[in-house]
Amino acid sequence: IFFSVDIAVKEGQAETQWRLYRRYNNFSKLERELASRSPGLSFSSAPFPGKTFGRCTRLEERRSALELWLRSVLQHPCSQKVWAGSLQQFFQEAHQVRTPFM
């Protein structure tokens, strides 16, 4: 199962948009990397969702929780500093496997 992430980057007057696809394990790897760079830091209002096996009814809950968590990560000051490399890799790797809609 892949989760899609819609990206919009605005630079000056220009805005670039694309959609990328990541598996839960990719998000989990990112979460572990960020936690290792900032031990003890957590997002109480947007905790990282656990993995549930065989519960397709909870997929939308997980998608929503991943979105909330990722938004919190991107809004945190560390996203521009100590986490920047991990975030860049997460988005670049996903960017390479994206498929355009036609």
C-alpha atoms as a PDB file:
ATOM      1  CA  ILE A   1       0.000   0.000   0.000  1.00  0.00           C
ATOM      2  CA  PHE A   2       1.331   3.382  -0.999  1.00  0.00           C
ATOM      3  CA  PHE A   3       0.336   6.723   0.471  1.00  0.00           C
ATOM      4  CA  SER A   4       0.361   9.712  -1.856  1.00  0.00           C
ATOM      5  CA  VAL A   5       1.774  13.037  -0.756  1.00  0.00           C
ATOM      6  CA  ASP A   6       0.919  16.172  -2.713  1.00  0.00           C
ATOM      7  CA  ILE A   7       3.769  18.675  -2.722  1.00  0.00           C
ATOM      8  CA  ALA A   8       3.540  22.371  -3.572  1.00  0.00           C
ATOM      9  CA  VAL A   9       6.683  24.491  -3.468  1.00  0.00           C
ATOM     10  CA  LYS A  10       6.391  28.225  -3.975  1.00  0.00           C
ATOM     11  CA  GLU A  11       9.491  30.184  -4.978  1.00  0.00           C
ATOM     12  CA  GLY A  12       8.721  33.829  -5.639  1.00  0.00           C
ATOM     13  CA  GLN A  13       5.761  33.940  -8.015  1.00  0.00           C
ATOM     14  CA  ALA A  14       6.286  30.391  -9.350  1.00  0.00           C
ATOM     15  CA  GLU A  15       4.728  27.327  -7.766  1.00  0.00           C
ATOM     16  CA  THR A  16       5.721  23.758  -8.580  1.00  0.00           C
ATOM     17  CA  GLN A  17       3.389  20.892  -7.710  1.00  0.00           C
ATOM     18  CA  TRP A  18       3.788  17.147  -7.839  1.00  0.00           C
ATOM     19  CA  ARG A  19       2.525  13.977  -6.201  1.00  0.00           C
ATOM     20  CA  LEU A  20       4.800  11.360  -4.731  1.00  0.00           C
ATOM     21  CA  TYR A  21       4.154   7.900  -3.351  1.00  0.00           C
ATOM     22  CA  ARG A  22       5.641   6.422  -0.204  1.00  0.00           C
ATOM     23  CA  ARG A  23       5.019   3.258   1.760  1.00  0.00           C
ATOM     24  CA  TYR A  24       4.415   3.266   5.508  1.00  0.00           C
ATOM     25  CA  ASN A  25       7.924   1.836   5.995  1.00  0.00           C
ATOM     26  CA  ASN A  26       9.413   4.914   4.272  1.00  0.00           C
ATOM     27  CA  PHE A  27       7.631   7.193   6.737  1.00  0.00           C
ATOM     28  CA  SER A  28       8.725   4.946   9.602  1.00  0.00           C
ATOM     29  CA  LYS A  29      12.362   5.105   8.469  1.00  0.00           C
ATOM     30  CA  LEU A  30      12.151   8.901   8.321  1.00  0.00           C
ATOM     31  CA  GLU A  31      10.644   9.020  11.809  1.00  0.00           C
ATOM     32  CA  ARG A  32      13.494   6.895  13.206  1.00  0.00           C
ATOM     33  CA  GLU A  33      16.117   9.078  11.493  1.00  0.00           C
ATOM     34  CA  LEU A  34      14.598  12.285  12.859  1.00  0.00           C
ATOM     35  CA  ALA A  35      14.284  10.782  16.342  1.00  0.00           C
ATOM     36  CA  SER A  36      17.950   9.761  16.314  1.00  0.00           C
ATOM     37  CA  ARG A  37      18.919  13.354  15.475  1.00  0.00           C
ATOM     38  CA  SER A  38      16.636  14.847  18.143  1.00  0.00           C
ATOM     39  CA  PRO A  39      16.277  12.342  21.013  1.00  0.00           C
ATOM     40  CA  GLY A  40      13.286  12.926  23.248  1.00  0.00           C
ATOM     41  CA  LEU A  41      11.472  15.181  20.785  1.00  0.00           C
ATOM     42  CA  SER A  42       7.910  14.152  20.031  1.00  0.00           C
ATOM     43  CA  PHE A  43       4.793  15.691  18.594  1.00  0.00           C
ATOM     44  CA  SER A  44       2.103  15.186  21.223  1.00  0.00           C
ATOM     45  CA  SER A  45      -0.557  16.715  18.979  1.00  0.00           C
ATOM     46  CA  ALA A  46       0.582  14.602  16.005  1.00  0.00           C
ATOM     47  CA  PRO A  47       2.154  11.332  17.194  1.00  0.00           C
ATOM     48  CA  PHE A  48       3.593   8.966  14.615  1.00  0.00           C
ATOM     49  CA  PRO A  49       0.949   6.294  13.887  1.00  0.00           C
ATOM     50  CA  GLY A  50       1.725   2.688  14.700  1.00  0.00           C
ATOM     51  CA  LYS A  51       1.618  -0.075  12.156  1.00  0.00           C
ATOM     52  CA  THR A  52      -1.472  -2.258  12.223  1.00  0.00           C
ATOM     53  CA  PHE A  53      -1.656  -5.542  10.364  1.00  0.00           C
ATOM     54  CA  GLY A  54      -4.699  -6.602   8.370  1.00  0.00           C
ATOM     55  CA  ARG A  55      -6.914  -3.678   9.333  1.00  0.00           C
ATOM     56  CA  CYS A  56      -7.865  -2.043   6.064  1.00  0.00           C
ATOM     57  CA  THR A  57     -10.643  -0.131   7.799  1.00  0.00           C
ATOM     58  CA  ARG A  58      -7.993   1.885   9.660  1.00  0.00           C
ATOM     59  CA  LEU A  59      -6.105   2.862   6.515  1.00  0.00           C
ATOM     60  CA  GLU A  60      -7.731   6.290   6.303  1.00  0.00           C
ATOM     61  CA  GLU A  61      -6.915   6.887   9.974  1.00  0.00           C
ATOM     62  CA  ARG A  62      -3.268   6.038   9.317  1.00  0.00           C
ATOM     63  CA  ARG A  63      -3.153   8.238   6.209  1.00  0.00           C
ATOM     64  CA  SER A  64      -4.607  11.136   8.147  1.00  0.00           C
ATOM     65  CA  ALA A  65      -2.198  10.595  11.055  1.00  0.00           C
ATOM     66  CA  LEU A  66       0.806  10.406   8.696  1.00  0.00           C
ATOM     67  CA  GLU A  67      -0.276  13.660   7.057  1.00  0.00           C
ATOM     68  CA  LEU A  68      -0.641  15.408  10.417  1.00  0.00           C
ATOM     69  CA  TRP A  69       2.727  14.064  11.584  1.00  0.00           C
ATOM     70  CA  LEU A  70       4.513  15.117   8.368  1.00  0.00           C
ATOM     71  CA  ARG A  71       3.002  18.612   8.511  1.00  0.00           C
ATOM     72  CA  SER A  72       4.206  18.942  12.114  1.00  0.00           C
ATOM     73  CA  VAL A  73       7.700  17.810  11.117  1.00  0.00           C
ATOM     74  CA  LEU A  74       7.869  20.318   8.259  1.00  0.00           C
ATOM     75  CA  GLN A  75       6.713  23.175  10.490  1.00  0.00           C
ATOM     76  CA  HIS A  76       9.308  22.412  13.179  1.00  0.00           C
ATOM     77  CA  PRO A  77      12.477  24.584  13.181  1.00  0.00           C
ATOM     78  CA  CYS A  78      14.654  21.440  12.963  1.00  0.00           C
ATOM     79  CA  SER A  79      13.244  20.790   9.474  1.00  0.00           C
ATOM     80  CA  GLN A  80      15.434  23.633   8.184  1.00  0.00           C
ATOM     81  CA  LYS A  81      18.491  22.530  10.131  1.00  0.00           C
ATOM     82  CA  VAL A  82      19.355  19.154  11.599  1.00  0.00           C
ATOM     83  CA  TRP A  83      16.567  17.255   9.764  1.00  0.00           C
ATOM     84  CA  ALA A  84      17.040  18.943   6.382  1.00  0.00           C
ATOM     85  CA  GLY A  85      19.175  16.166   4.869  1.00  0.00           C
ATOM     86  CA  SER A  86      16.813  13.367   5.924  1.00  0.00           C
ATOM     87  CA  LEU A  87      13.779  15.275   4.661  1.00  0.00           C
ATOM     88  CA  GLN A  88      15.463  16.081   1.377  1.00  0.00           C
ATOM     89  CA  GLN A  89      16.319  12.426   0.853  1.00  0.00           C
ATOM     90  CA  PHE A  90      12.761  11.356   1.741  1.00  0.00           C
ATOM     91  CA  PHE A  91      11.268  13.729  -0.822  1.00  0.00           C
ATOM     92  CA  GLN A  92      13.896  13.158  -3.513  1.00  0.00           C
ATOM     93  CA  GLU A  93      13.688   9.384  -3.373  1.00  0.00           C
ATOM     94  CA  ALA A  94       9.926   9.574  -3.584  1.00  0.00           C
ATOM     95  CA  HIS A  95      10.158  12.162  -6.342  1.00  0.00           C
ATOM     96  CA  GLN A  96      12.143   9.687  -8.439  1.00  0.00           C
ATOM     97  CA  VAL A  97       9.442   7.001  -8.233  1.00  0.00           C
ATOM     98  CA  ARG A  98       6.470   9.248  -8.867  1.00  0.00           C
ATOM     99  CA  THR A  99       4.177   8.557 -11.755  1.00  0.00           C
ATOM    100  CA  PRO A 100       2.541  11.398 -13.661  1.00  0.00           C
ATOM    101  CA  PHE A 101      -1.212  11.295 -14.120  1.00  0.00           C
ATOM    102  CA  MET A 102      -2.428  11.538 -17.694  1.00  0.00           C
END
